[in-house]
Amino acid sequence: MSETLLVMTVLPDAESAARMTRAVLESRLAACVNRLAPCESEYWWRGGIETTREWPLLIKTTQDRYTALEAAIRLAHPYEVPEIVALPVVAGFAPYLAWVAQETRTPDADDDSA
């Protein structure tokens, strides 16, 4: 079974967060996405401190799907340098982790197991 990852990103508004969520789910790059309430982000950008409101996404996927997920986020993301951070899931409820792996399998992977 492929290692489970928790991938975090933030979007500038609710609409782009919803579009990103739907895109990664429909392409089976994620088994689940949590769209969190907006938060205030403060960060360095081009020599100054910026403050903005952003919508965080917590994306559950696998190591096998990470490269494609990152590419999809980068393609659809409106930011020049989007936050894309992947954290390994070092422990979790085994049936849930198996579900994440199953829901992110590609059609080719399903054919290989037949």
N, C-alpha and C. Protein backbone atom coordinates (compact mmCIF):
# COMPACT_ATOMS: atom_id res chain seq x y z
N MET A 1 0.85 -1.18 0.00
CA MET A 1 0.00 0.00 0.00
C MET A 1 0.90 1.24 0.00
N SER A 2 0.54 2.23 -0.81
CA SER A 2 1.30 3.46 -0.91
C SER A 2 1.14 4.29 0.37
N GLU A 3 2.20 4.99 0.75
CA GLU A 3 2.17 5.83 1.93
C GLU A 3 1.12 6.93 1.80
N THR A 4 0.35 7.15 2.85
CA THR A 4 -0.67 8.20 2.87
C THR A 4 0.00 9.54 3.17
N LEU A 5 -0.45 10.58 2.47
CA LEU A 5 0.05 11.94 2.69
C LEU A 5 -1.10 12.88 3.00
N LEU A 6 -0.81 13.89 3.79
CA LEU A 6 -1.72 15.00 4.01
C LEU A 6 -1.07 16.19 3.32
N VAL A 7 -1.72 16.72 2.29
CA VAL A 7 -1.18 17.83 1.51
C VAL A 7 -1.99 19.08 1.84
N MET A 8 -1.27 20.15 2.13
CA MET A 8 -1.92 21.41 2.48
C MET A 8 -1.66 22.45 1.39
N THR A 9 -2.69 23.22 1.11
CA THR A 9 -2.57 24.39 0.25
C THR A 9 -3.60 25.40 0.72
N VAL A 10 -3.48 26.63 0.26
CA VAL A 10 -4.47 27.66 0.57
C VAL A 10 -4.85 28.36 -0.72
N LEU A 11 -6.09 28.83 -0.78
CA LEU A 11 -6.62 29.53 -1.95
C LEU A 11 -7.12 30.91 -1.52
N PRO A 12 -7.19 31.85 -2.46
CA PRO A 12 -7.54 33.23 -2.09
C PRO A 12 -9.03 33.48 -1.85
N ASP A 13 -9.90 32.55 -2.24
CA ASP A 13 -11.33 32.77 -2.04
C ASP A 13 -12.07 31.44 -2.04
N ALA A 14 -13.31 31.49 -1.58
CA ALA A 14 -14.12 30.27 -1.45
C ALA A 14 -14.35 29.60 -2.79
N GLU A 15 -14.56 30.38 -3.84
CA GLU A 15 -14.85 29.80 -5.16
C GLU A 15 -13.65 29.02 -5.70
N SER A 16 -12.46 29.59 -5.61
CA SER A 16 -11.28 28.87 -6.11
C SER A 16 -10.98 27.64 -5.24
N ALA A 17 -11.25 27.73 -3.94
CA ALA A 17 -11.07 26.56 -3.07
C ALA A 17 -12.04 25.44 -3.46
N ALA A 18 -13.28 25.79 -3.77
CA ALA A 18 -14.27 24.79 -4.18
C ALA A 18 -13.88 24.17 -5.52
N ARG A 19 -13.43 25.00 -6.47
CA ARG A 19 -13.00 24.47 -7.78
C ARG A 19 -11.81 23.52 -7.64
N MET A 20 -10.83 23.90 -6.82
CA MET A 20 -9.65 23.05 -6.61
C MET A 20 -10.07 21.73 -5.96
N THR A 21 -10.94 21.81 -4.97
CA THR A 21 -11.42 20.60 -4.30
C THR A 21 -12.06 19.65 -5.30
N ARG A 22 -12.97 20.15 -6.10
CA ARG A 22 -13.68 19.32 -7.08
C ARG A 22 -12.72 18.75 -8.10
N ALA A 23 -11.76 19.53 -8.57
CA ALA A 23 -10.82 19.09 -9.60
C ALA A 23 -9.96 17.93 -9.11
N VAL A 24 -9.43 18.03 -7.89
CA VAL A 24 -8.55 16.95 -7.42
C VAL A 24 -9.34 15.70 -7.06
N LEU A 25 -10.59 15.88 -6.62
CA LEU A 25 -11.42 14.70 -6.34
C LEU A 25 -11.85 14.01 -7.63
N GLU A 26 -12.32 14.78 -8.61
CA GLU A 26 -12.80 14.17 -9.85
C GLU A 26 -11.68 13.45 -10.61
N SER A 27 -10.45 13.91 -10.46
CA SER A 27 -9.33 13.26 -11.14
C SER A 27 -8.71 12.15 -10.30
N ARG A 28 -9.30 11.83 -9.16
CA ARG A 28 -8.84 10.77 -8.26
C ARG A 28 -7.43 11.02 -7.72
N LEU A 29 -7.06 12.30 -7.64
CA LEU A 29 -5.78 12.67 -7.04
C LEU A 29 -5.89 12.76 -5.53
N ALA A 30 -7.11 12.76 -5.03
CA ALA A 30 -7.38 12.81 -3.60
C ALA A 30 -8.57 11.94 -3.28
N ALA A 31 -8.54 11.37 -2.08
CA ALA A 31 -9.69 10.61 -1.59
C ALA A 31 -10.65 11.52 -0.84
N CYS A 32 -10.11 12.58 -0.24
CA CYS A 32 -10.90 13.48 0.59
C CYS A 32 -10.20 14.83 0.65
N VAL A 33 -10.98 15.89 0.65
CA VAL A 33 -10.44 17.23 0.83
C VAL A 33 -11.29 17.94 1.88
N ASN A 34 -10.65 18.48 2.89
CA ASN A 34 -11.34 19.33 3.86
C ASN A 34 -11.09 20.78 3.48
N ARG A 35 -12.19 21.49 3.20
CA ARG A 35 -12.11 22.93 2.97
C ARG A 35 -12.39 23.59 4.31
N LEU A 36 -11.39 24.21 4.85
CA LEU A 36 -11.52 24.81 6.17
C LEU A 36 -12.05 26.24 6.07
N ALA A 37 -12.46 26.76 7.20
CA ALA A 37 -12.93 28.14 7.27
C ALA A 37 -11.78 29.07 6.90
N PRO A 38 -12.10 30.24 6.37
CA PRO A 38 -11.02 31.16 6.02
C PRO A 38 -10.20 31.55 7.24
N CYS A 39 -8.94 31.85 6.97
CA CYS A 39 -8.02 32.26 8.02
C CYS A 39 -7.25 33.49 7.56
N GLU A 40 -6.64 34.16 8.49
CA GLU A 40 -5.77 35.29 8.17
C GLU A 40 -4.35 34.76 8.06
N SER A 41 -3.71 34.99 6.94
CA SER A 41 -2.33 34.57 6.73
C SER A 41 -1.44 35.80 6.67
N GLU A 42 -0.31 35.69 7.31
CA GLU A 42 0.70 36.74 7.26
C GLU A 42 2.01 36.10 6.83
N TYR A 43 2.69 36.73 5.87
CA TYR A 43 3.87 36.11 5.28
C TYR A 43 4.73 37.17 4.60
N TRP A 44 5.99 36.80 4.39
CA TRP A 44 6.90 37.64 3.63
C TRP A 44 6.65 37.44 2.15
N TRP A 45 6.57 38.54 1.38
CA TRP A 45 6.45 38.46 -0.07
C TRP A 45 7.06 39.70 -0.67
N ARG A 46 8.08 39.48 -1.49
CA ARG A 46 8.77 40.56 -2.21
C ARG A 46 9.22 41.69 -1.29
N GLY A 47 9.86 41.29 -0.19
CA GLY A 47 10.49 42.25 0.70
C GLY A 47 9.60 42.88 1.75
N GLY A 48 8.33 42.50 1.78
CA GLY A 48 7.43 43.07 2.77
C GLY A 48 6.53 42.03 3.39
N ILE A 49 5.94 42.37 4.50
CA ILE A 49 5.00 41.47 5.16
C ILE A 49 3.61 41.74 4.62
N GLU A 50 2.98 40.69 4.14
CA GLU A 50 1.62 40.75 3.60
C GLU A 50 0.64 40.12 4.59
N THR A 51 -0.59 40.57 4.55
CA THR A 51 -1.67 39.96 5.32
C THR A 51 -2.84 39.76 4.36
N THR A 52 -3.38 38.56 4.37
CA THR A 52 -4.51 38.28 3.49
C THR A 52 -5.40 37.20 4.10
N ARG A 53 -6.59 37.11 3.61
CA ARG A 53 -7.54 36.07 4.01
C ARG A 53 -7.43 34.94 3.01
N GLU A 54 -7.31 33.70 3.50
CA GLU A 54 -7.16 32.55 2.62
C GLU A 54 -8.02 31.39 3.12
N TRP A 55 -8.32 30.46 2.19
CA TRP A 55 -9.11 29.27 2.47
C TRP A 55 -8.20 28.06 2.40
N PRO A 56 -7.91 27.42 3.55
CA PRO A 56 -7.03 26.24 3.57
C PRO A 56 -7.74 24.98 3.07
N LEU A 57 -6.97 24.15 2.37
CA LEU A 57 -7.43 22.82 1.98
C LEU A 57 -6.49 21.79 2.61
N LEU A 58 -7.07 20.73 3.17
CA LEU A 58 -6.32 19.57 3.65
C LEU A 58 -6.70 18.42 2.74
N ILE A 59 -5.72 17.95 1.98
CA ILE A 59 -5.97 16.96 0.92
C ILE A 59 -5.35 15.63 1.32
N LYS A 60 -6.17 14.58 1.34
CA LYS A 60 -5.66 13.24 1.66
C LYS A 60 -5.41 12.47 0.37
N THR A 61 -4.17 12.02 0.21
CA THR A 61 -3.75 11.32 -1.01
C THR A 61 -2.68 10.30 -0.64
N THR A 62 -2.00 9.80 -1.65
CA THR A 62 -0.91 8.85 -1.44
C THR A 62 0.37 9.36 -2.09
N GLN A 63 1.48 8.80 -1.66
CA GLN A 63 2.77 9.16 -2.25
C GLN A 63 2.75 8.89 -3.76
N ASP A 64 2.11 7.80 -4.18
CA ASP A 64 2.04 7.46 -5.60
C ASP A 64 1.34 8.55 -6.42
N ARG A 65 0.40 9.27 -5.84
CA ARG A 65 -0.37 10.28 -6.56
C ARG A 65 0.14 11.70 -6.35
N TYR A 66 1.16 11.86 -5.48
CA TYR A 66 1.60 13.20 -5.13
C TYR A 66 2.08 14.03 -6.33
N THR A 67 2.90 13.48 -7.18
CA THR A 67 3.45 14.25 -8.30
C THR A 67 2.34 14.80 -9.19
N ALA A 68 1.36 13.96 -9.49
CA ALA A 68 0.23 14.41 -10.32
C ALA A 68 -0.62 15.43 -9.57
N LEU A 69 -0.80 15.24 -8.27
CA LEU A 69 -1.56 16.20 -7.47
C LEU A 69 -0.86 17.55 -7.45
N GLU A 70 0.44 17.56 -7.20
CA GLU A 70 1.17 18.82 -7.20
C GLU A 70 1.05 19.53 -8.55
N ALA A 71 1.18 18.78 -9.63
CA ALA A 71 1.05 19.37 -10.97
C ALA A 71 -0.34 19.99 -11.17
N ALA A 72 -1.38 19.29 -10.73
CA ALA A 72 -2.75 19.80 -10.87
C ALA A 72 -2.95 21.06 -10.05
N ILE A 73 -2.43 21.09 -8.83
CA ILE A 73 -2.55 22.28 -7.99
C ILE A 73 -1.81 23.45 -8.65
N ARG A 74 -0.60 23.21 -9.10
CA ARG A 74 0.19 24.28 -9.71
C ARG A 74 -0.50 24.82 -10.97
N LEU A 75 -1.10 23.95 -11.75
CA LEU A 75 -1.76 24.36 -12.99
C LEU A 75 -2.99 25.23 -12.71
N ALA A 76 -3.76 24.88 -11.70
CA ALA A 76 -5.02 25.57 -11.44
C ALA A 76 -4.90 26.70 -10.42
N HIS A 77 -3.79 26.78 -9.71
CA HIS A 77 -3.66 27.74 -8.62
C HIS A 77 -3.40 29.15 -9.13
N PRO A 78 -4.09 30.15 -8.58
CA PRO A 78 -3.89 31.51 -9.05
C PRO A 78 -2.62 32.18 -8.53
N TYR A 79 -1.98 31.62 -7.51
CA TYR A 79 -0.78 32.25 -6.94
C TYR A 79 0.45 31.93 -7.78
N GLU A 80 1.36 32.87 -7.83
CA GLU A 80 2.64 32.68 -8.51
C GLU A 80 3.45 31.57 -7.84
N VAL A 81 3.45 31.55 -6.52
CA VAL A 81 4.17 30.53 -5.74
C VAL A 81 3.19 29.98 -4.71
N PRO A 82 2.38 28.99 -5.10
CA PRO A 82 1.40 28.47 -4.15
C PRO A 82 2.04 27.63 -3.04
N GLU A 83 1.43 27.68 -1.88
CA GLU A 83 1.84 26.79 -0.79
C GLU A 83 1.36 25.39 -1.16
N ILE A 84 2.30 24.46 -1.25
CA ILE A 84 1.97 23.04 -1.43
C ILE A 84 2.93 22.29 -0.51
N VAL A 85 2.40 21.78 0.59
CA VAL A 85 3.20 21.11 1.60
C VAL A 85 2.61 19.73 1.84
N ALA A 86 3.44 18.70 1.73
CA ALA A 86 2.98 17.33 1.95
C ALA A 86 3.61 16.79 3.23
N LEU A 87 2.77 16.25 4.09
CA LEU A 87 3.22 15.65 5.34
C LEU A 87 2.90 14.16 5.32
N PRO A 88 3.85 13.32 5.68
CA PRO A 88 3.56 11.89 5.73
C PRO A 88 2.64 11.57 6.91
N VAL A 89 1.73 10.67 6.70
CA VAL A 89 0.87 10.19 7.78
C VAL A 89 1.61 9.00 8.38
N VAL A 90 2.13 9.17 9.58
CA VAL A 90 2.96 8.13 10.19
C VAL A 90 2.14 7.08 10.93
N ALA A 91 0.90 7.40 11.23
CA ALA A 91 0.02 6.43 11.87
C ALA A 91 -1.42 6.87 11.59
N GLY A 92 -2.33 5.90 11.61
CA GLY A 92 -3.73 6.20 11.38
C GLY A 92 -4.56 4.93 11.44
N PHE A 93 -5.85 5.11 11.42
CA PHE A 93 -6.80 3.99 11.45
C PHE A 93 -6.65 3.22 10.14
N ALA A 94 -6.23 1.98 10.21
CA ALA A 94 -5.88 1.18 9.03
C ALA A 94 -7.00 1.15 7.98
N PRO A 95 -8.27 0.95 8.35
CA PRO A 95 -9.32 0.96 7.33
C PRO A 95 -9.42 2.31 6.59
N TYR A 96 -9.20 3.42 7.31
CA TYR A 96 -9.24 4.73 6.66
C TYR A 96 -8.08 4.87 5.68
N LEU A 97 -6.88 4.50 6.09
CA LEU A 97 -5.71 4.59 5.21
C LEU A 97 -5.88 3.71 3.98
N ALA A 98 -6.48 2.54 4.16
CA ALA A 98 -6.75 1.65 3.02
C ALA A 98 -7.77 2.29 2.08
N TRP A 99 -8.76 2.97 2.65
CA TRP A 99 -9.76 3.68 1.84
C TRP A 99 -9.10 4.77 1.00
N VAL A 100 -8.20 5.56 1.61
CA VAL A 100 -7.48 6.60 0.86
C VAL A 100 -6.74 5.98 -0.32
N ALA A 101 -6.04 4.89 -0.07
CA ALA A 101 -5.30 4.22 -1.14
C ALA A 101 -6.24 3.72 -2.24
N GLN A 102 -7.35 3.14 -1.85
CA GLN A 102 -8.30 2.61 -2.83
C GLN A 102 -8.92 3.72 -3.68
N GLU A 103 -9.31 4.82 -3.05
CA GLU A 103 -10.00 5.90 -3.77
C GLU A 103 -9.08 6.71 -4.67
N THR A 104 -7.79 6.59 -4.49
CA THR A 104 -6.85 7.33 -5.34
C THR A 104 -6.16 6.44 -6.37
N ARG A 105 -6.59 5.20 -6.46
CA ARG A 105 -6.00 4.29 -7.45
C ARG A 105 -6.36 4.75 -8.86
N THR A 106 -5.42 4.60 -9.75
CA THR A 106 -5.68 4.94 -11.15
C THR A 106 -6.34 3.74 -11.83
N PRO A 107 -7.05 3.95 -12.93
CA PRO A 107 -7.64 2.82 -13.65
C PRO A 107 -6.59 1.78 -14.05
N ASP A 108 -5.38 2.22 -14.40
CA ASP A 108 -4.30 1.29 -14.75
C ASP A 108 -3.96 0.39 -13.58
N ALA A 109 -3.94 0.95 -12.37
CA ALA A 109 -3.63 0.16 -11.19
C ALA A 109 -4.69 -0.88 -10.95
N ASP A 110 -5.96 -0.52 -11.22
CA ASP A 110 -7.05 -1.50 -11.07
C ASP A 110 -6.88 -2.64 -12.08
N ASP A 111 -6.46 -2.32 -13.31
CA ASP A 111 -6.26 -3.36 -14.33
C ASP A 111 -5.14 -4.30 -13.95
N ASP A 112 -4.10 -3.78 -13.29
CA ASP A 112 -2.97 -4.62 -12.89
C ASP A 112 -3.35 -5.65 -11.85
N SER A 113 -4.36 -5.34 -11.02
CA SER A 113 -4.73 -6.26 -9.95
C SER A 113 -5.71 -7.33 -10.42
N ALA A 114 -6.20 -7.22 -11.64
CA ALA A 114 -7.18 -8.18 -12.15
C ALA A 114 -6.53 -9.47 -12.56
